[in-house]
């Protein structure tokens, strides 16, 4: 049997208030994915990317939510989705981390994390979420950091 993970989301930002690196850098605010009480952003912070959920334009946020809820496939990644993106613009051409997402009945699986565009595997996951908790967490990211 697969161990079920628990997902929740919470507002977060790239730099703490007292972080000297914050000066001159964009302190992007976003919705962090907390998996079993551990921040996905902090786990992958060494890549200097931020979660794709909770920030950007209203249209961008709605599109990302539809990807993560599997109601829309990515135009060229199909069932891989950008889970962490470049903190200045969110543009996938600047680099990102993708994840393969699939649904089996009432279970959502995140697996096969990769650093793009180099397609380098990242040793994290897989994670298994119950659909209802997952759906609620993803929908709660909408507007977390406002709209840009």
C-alpha atoms as a PDB file:
ATOM      1  CA  UNK A   1       0.000   0.000   0.000  1.00  0.00           C
ATOM      2  CA  UNK A   2       1.139   3.509  -0.837  1.00  0.00           C
ATOM      3  CA  UNK A   3       1.756   5.944   1.982  1.00  0.00           C
ATOM      4  CA  UNK A   4      -0.599   8.913   1.667  1.00  0.00           C
ATOM      5  CA  UNK A   5       1.008  12.347   1.879  1.00  0.00           C
ATOM      6  CA  UNK A   6      -0.782  15.464   3.078  1.00  0.00           C
ATOM      7  CA  UNK A   7      -0.759  18.673   1.080  1.00  0.00           C
ATOM      8  CA  UNK A   8      -1.596  22.154   2.190  1.00  0.00           C
ATOM      9  CA  UNK A   9      -0.583  25.501   0.789  1.00  0.00           C
ATOM     10  CA  UNK A  10       0.488  28.641   2.548  1.00  0.00           C
ATOM     11  CA  UNK A  11       1.582  32.138   1.520  1.00  0.00           C
ATOM     12  CA  UNK A  12       5.359  32.502   1.465  1.00  0.00           C
ATOM     13  CA  UNK A  13       8.042  34.687  -0.058  1.00  0.00           C
ATOM     14  CA  UNK A  14      11.509  34.292  -1.438  1.00  0.00           C
ATOM     15  CA  UNK A  15      13.356  36.218   1.262  1.00  0.00           C
ATOM     16  CA  UNK A  16      12.824  36.692   4.989  1.00  0.00           C
ATOM     17  CA  UNK A  17      12.400  40.299   6.128  1.00  0.00           C
ATOM     18  CA  UNK A  18      15.929  40.440   7.555  1.00  0.00           C
ATOM     19  CA  UNK A  19      17.656  38.665   4.645  1.00  0.00           C
ATOM     20  CA  UNK A  20      20.372  40.910   3.119  1.00  0.00           C
ATOM     21  CA  UNK A  21      19.989  39.079  -0.231  1.00  0.00           C
ATOM     22  CA  UNK A  22      16.541  40.642  -0.481  1.00  0.00           C
ATOM     23  CA  UNK A  23      18.020  44.051  -1.383  1.00  0.00           C
ATOM     24  CA  UNK A  24      18.222  44.399  -5.144  1.00  0.00           C
ATOM     25  CA  UNK A  25      16.460  41.089  -5.762  1.00  0.00           C
ATOM     26  CA  UNK A  26      12.808  40.451  -6.476  1.00  0.00           C
ATOM     27  CA  UNK A  27      11.157  39.170  -3.324  1.00  0.00           C
ATOM     28  CA  UNK A  28       8.522  37.111  -5.104  1.00  0.00           C
ATOM     29  CA  UNK A  29       5.500  36.137  -3.033  1.00  0.00           C
ATOM     30  CA  UNK A  30       3.845  32.817  -3.869  1.00  0.00           C
ATOM     31  CA  UNK A  31       1.859  29.910  -2.504  1.00  0.00           C
ATOM     32  CA  UNK A  32       4.189  27.276  -1.068  1.00  0.00           C
ATOM     33  CA  UNK A  33       3.238  23.613  -1.173  1.00  0.00           C
ATOM     34  CA  UNK A  34       3.637  22.049   2.245  1.00  0.00           C
ATOM     35  CA  UNK A  35       3.893  18.276   1.980  1.00  0.00           C
ATOM     36  CA  UNK A  36       3.713  16.429   5.302  1.00  0.00           C
ATOM     37  CA  UNK A  37       4.617  19.679   7.097  1.00  0.00           C
ATOM     38  CA  UNK A  38       7.710  20.226   4.914  1.00  0.00           C
ATOM     39  CA  UNK A  39       8.045  23.123   2.463  1.00  0.00           C
ATOM     40  CA  UNK A  40       8.562  22.089  -1.145  1.00  0.00           C
ATOM     41  CA  UNK A  41      10.147  25.496  -1.805  1.00  0.00           C
ATOM     42  CA  UNK A  42      12.689  25.046   1.001  1.00  0.00           C
ATOM     43  CA  UNK A  43      13.428  21.482  -0.151  1.00  0.00           C
ATOM     44  CA  UNK A  44      14.299  22.756  -3.636  1.00  0.00           C
ATOM     45  CA  UNK A  45      15.617  26.219  -2.724  1.00  0.00           C
ATOM     46  CA  UNK A  46      19.112  25.470  -4.037  1.00  0.00           C
ATOM     47  CA  UNK A  47      17.720  25.758  -7.596  1.00  0.00           C
ATOM     48  CA  UNK A  48      16.742  29.434  -6.988  1.00  0.00           C
ATOM     49  CA  UNK A  49      13.232  28.907  -8.344  1.00  0.00           C
ATOM     50  CA  UNK A  50       9.873  29.599  -6.682  1.00  0.00           C
ATOM     51  CA  UNK A  51       6.537  27.750  -6.721  1.00  0.00           C
ATOM     52  CA  UNK A  52       4.431  28.577  -9.759  1.00  0.00           C
ATOM     53  CA  UNK A  53       1.160  28.745  -7.814  1.00  0.00           C
ATOM     54  CA  UNK A  54      -0.344  31.813  -6.169  1.00  0.00           C
ATOM     55  CA  UNK A  55       1.290  34.646  -8.113  1.00  0.00           C
ATOM     56  CA  UNK A  56       1.268  36.301 -11.526  1.00  0.00           C
ATOM     57  CA  UNK A  57      -1.720  37.503 -13.483  1.00  0.00           C
ATOM     58  CA  UNK A  58      -5.210  36.211 -12.783  1.00  0.00           C
ATOM     59  CA  UNK A  59      -5.153  34.362 -16.115  1.00  0.00           C
ATOM     60  CA  UNK A  60      -1.772  32.751 -15.322  1.00  0.00           C
ATOM     61  CA  UNK A  61      -2.985  31.602 -11.901  1.00  0.00           C
ATOM     62  CA  UNK A  62      -6.174  30.105 -13.334  1.00  0.00           C
ATOM     63  CA  UNK A  63      -4.157  28.287 -15.995  1.00  0.00           C
ATOM     64  CA  UNK A  64      -1.746  26.793 -13.441  1.00  0.00           C
ATOM     65  CA  UNK A  65      -4.627  25.663 -11.233  1.00  0.00           C
ATOM     66  CA  UNK A  66      -6.259  23.965 -14.230  1.00  0.00           C
ATOM     67  CA  UNK A  67      -2.967  22.164 -14.932  1.00  0.00           C
ATOM     68  CA  UNK A  68      -2.612  20.941 -11.358  1.00  0.00           C
ATOM     69  CA  UNK A  69      -6.260  19.841 -11.236  1.00  0.00           C
ATOM     70  CA  UNK A  70      -5.687  17.987 -14.524  1.00  0.00           C
ATOM     71  CA  UNK A  71      -8.498  19.768 -16.350  1.00  0.00           C
ATOM     72  CA  UNK A  72      -6.037  21.053 -18.943  1.00  0.00           C
ATOM     73  CA  UNK A  73      -2.792  19.602 -20.307  1.00  0.00           C
ATOM     74  CA  UNK A  74       0.310  21.698 -20.772  1.00  0.00           C
ATOM     75  CA  UNK A  75       0.782  22.722 -24.440  1.00  0.00           C
ATOM     76  CA  UNK A  76       4.129  20.943 -24.843  1.00  0.00           C
ATOM     77  CA  UNK A  77       4.775  19.126 -21.553  1.00  0.00           C
ATOM     78  CA  UNK A  78       1.383  17.347 -21.610  1.00  0.00           C
ATOM     79  CA  UNK A  79       1.087  15.770 -18.119  1.00  0.00           C
ATOM     80  CA  UNK A  80       4.273  17.370 -16.817  1.00  0.00           C
ATOM     81  CA  UNK A  81       3.744  20.742 -15.217  1.00  0.00           C
ATOM     82  CA  UNK A  82       5.980  23.611 -14.070  1.00  0.00           C
ATOM     83  CA  UNK A  83       5.909  23.382 -10.291  1.00  0.00           C
ATOM     84  CA  UNK A  84       8.772  25.834  -9.611  1.00  0.00           C
ATOM     85  CA  UNK A  85       9.635  28.666 -11.992  1.00  0.00           C
ATOM     86  CA  UNK A  86      12.001  31.592 -12.412  1.00  0.00           C
ATOM     87  CA  UNK A  87      11.242  34.116  -9.624  1.00  0.00           C
ATOM     88  CA  UNK A  88      11.430  37.277 -11.728  1.00  0.00           C
ATOM     89  CA  UNK A  89       8.947  36.427 -14.451  1.00  0.00           C
ATOM     90  CA  UNK A  90       7.721  32.835 -14.164  1.00  0.00           C
ATOM     91  CA  UNK A  91       8.662  32.307 -17.818  1.00  0.00           C
ATOM     92  CA  UNK A  92       9.426  28.664 -18.552  1.00  0.00           C
ATOM     93  CA  UNK A  93      12.143  29.699 -21.008  1.00  0.00           C
ATOM     94  CA  UNK A  94      14.160  30.956 -18.024  1.00  0.00           C
ATOM     95  CA  UNK A  95      14.214  27.469 -16.473  1.00  0.00           C
ATOM     96  CA  UNK A  96      11.866  25.558 -14.196  1.00  0.00           C
ATOM     97  CA  UNK A  97      11.268  22.342 -12.319  1.00  0.00           C
ATOM     98  CA  UNK A  98       8.582  20.099 -13.758  1.00  0.00           C
ATOM     99  CA  UNK A  99       6.613  17.290 -12.184  1.00  0.00           C
ATOM    100  CA  UNK A 100       4.590  14.487 -13.737  1.00  0.00           C
ATOM    101  CA  UNK A 101       1.053  14.470 -12.301  1.00  0.00           C
ATOM    102  CA  UNK A 102      -1.449  11.687 -12.705  1.00  0.00           C
ATOM    103  CA  UNK A 103      -4.717  10.724 -11.095  1.00  0.00           C
ATOM    104  CA  UNK A 104      -5.780   7.189 -10.226  1.00  0.00           C
ATOM    105  CA  UNK A 105      -9.375   7.272  -8.966  1.00  0.00           C
ATOM    106  CA  UNK A 106      -9.264   9.335  -5.758  1.00  0.00           C
ATOM    107  CA  UNK A 107      -5.467   9.511  -5.638  1.00  0.00           C
ATOM    108  CA  UNK A 108      -3.183  12.151  -7.202  1.00  0.00           C
ATOM    109  CA  UNK A 109       0.466  11.313  -7.730  1.00  0.00           C
ATOM    110  CA  UNK A 110       3.365  13.752  -8.133  1.00  0.00           C
ATOM    111  CA  UNK A 111       6.465  12.003  -9.410  1.00  0.00           C
ATOM    112  CA  UNK A 112       9.492  12.295 -11.664  1.00  0.00           C
ATOM    113  CA  UNK A 113      10.594  15.827 -10.772  1.00  0.00           C
ATOM    114  CA  UNK A 114      12.987  17.265 -13.372  1.00  0.00           C
ATOM    115  CA  UNK A 115      15.123  20.379 -13.771  1.00  0.00           C
ATOM    116  CA  UNK A 116      14.251  21.881 -17.152  1.00  0.00           C
ATOM    117  CA  UNK A 117      15.216  22.516 -19.874  1.00  0.00           C
ATOM    118  CA  UNK A 118      18.048  20.039 -19.222  1.00  0.00           C
ATOM    119  CA  UNK A 119      15.628  17.237 -18.249  1.00  0.00           C
ATOM    120  CA  UNK A 120      17.799  16.379 -15.218  1.00  0.00           C
ATOM    121  CA  UNK A 121      16.067  14.191 -12.604  1.00  0.00           C
ATOM    122  CA  UNK A 122      15.656  15.563  -9.082  1.00  0.00           C
ATOM    123  CA  UNK A 123      15.573  13.005  -6.292  1.00  0.00           C
ATOM    124  CA  UNK A 124      12.318  13.941  -4.547  1.00  0.00           C
ATOM    125  CA  UNK A 125       8.967  12.172  -4.350  1.00  0.00           C
ATOM    126  CA  UNK A 126       6.827  10.457  -5.378  1.00  0.00           C
ATOM    127  CA  UNK A 127       4.005  11.969  -3.373  1.00  0.00           C
ATOM    128  CA  UNK A 128       0.489  10.531  -3.101  1.00  0.00           C
ATOM    129  CA  UNK A 129      -2.453  12.782  -2.202  1.00  0.00           C
ATOM    130  CA  UNK A 130      -6.126  12.082  -1.650  1.00  0.00           C
ATOM    131  CA  UNK A 131      -8.091  13.976  -4.292  1.00  0.00           C
ATOM    132  CA  UNK A 132     -10.385  16.022  -2.027  1.00  0.00           C
ATOM    133  CA  UNK A 133      -7.555  17.371   0.132  1.00  0.00           C
ATOM    134  CA  UNK A 134      -5.418  17.954  -2.960  1.00  0.00           C
ATOM    135  CA  UNK A 135      -8.150  19.771  -4.889  1.00  0.00           C
ATOM    136  CA  UNK A 136      -8.866  22.054  -1.947  1.00  0.00           C
ATOM    137  CA  UNK A 137      -5.167  22.877  -1.435  1.00  0.00           C
ATOM    138  CA  UNK A 138      -4.628  23.699  -5.118  1.00  0.00           C
ATOM    139  CA  UNK A 139      -7.767  25.859  -5.358  1.00  0.00           C
ATOM    140  CA  UNK A 140      -6.690  27.738  -2.213  1.00  0.00           C
ATOM    141  CA  UNK A 141      -3.583  29.018  -4.029  1.00  0.00           C
ATOM    142  CA  UNK A 142      -5.649  31.365  -6.187  1.00  0.00           C
ATOM    143  CA  UNK A 143      -4.812  34.988  -5.388  1.00  0.00           C
ATOM    144  CA  UNK A 144      -2.415  34.098  -2.553  1.00  0.00           C
ATOM    145  CA  UNK A 145       0.048  36.846  -3.524  1.00  0.00           C
ATOM    146  CA  UNK A 146      -2.495  39.011  -5.315  1.00  0.00           C
ATOM    147  CA  UNK A 147      -2.352  39.658  -9.051  1.00  0.00           C
ATOM    148  CA  UNK A 148       0.438  41.236 -11.050  1.00  0.00           C
END
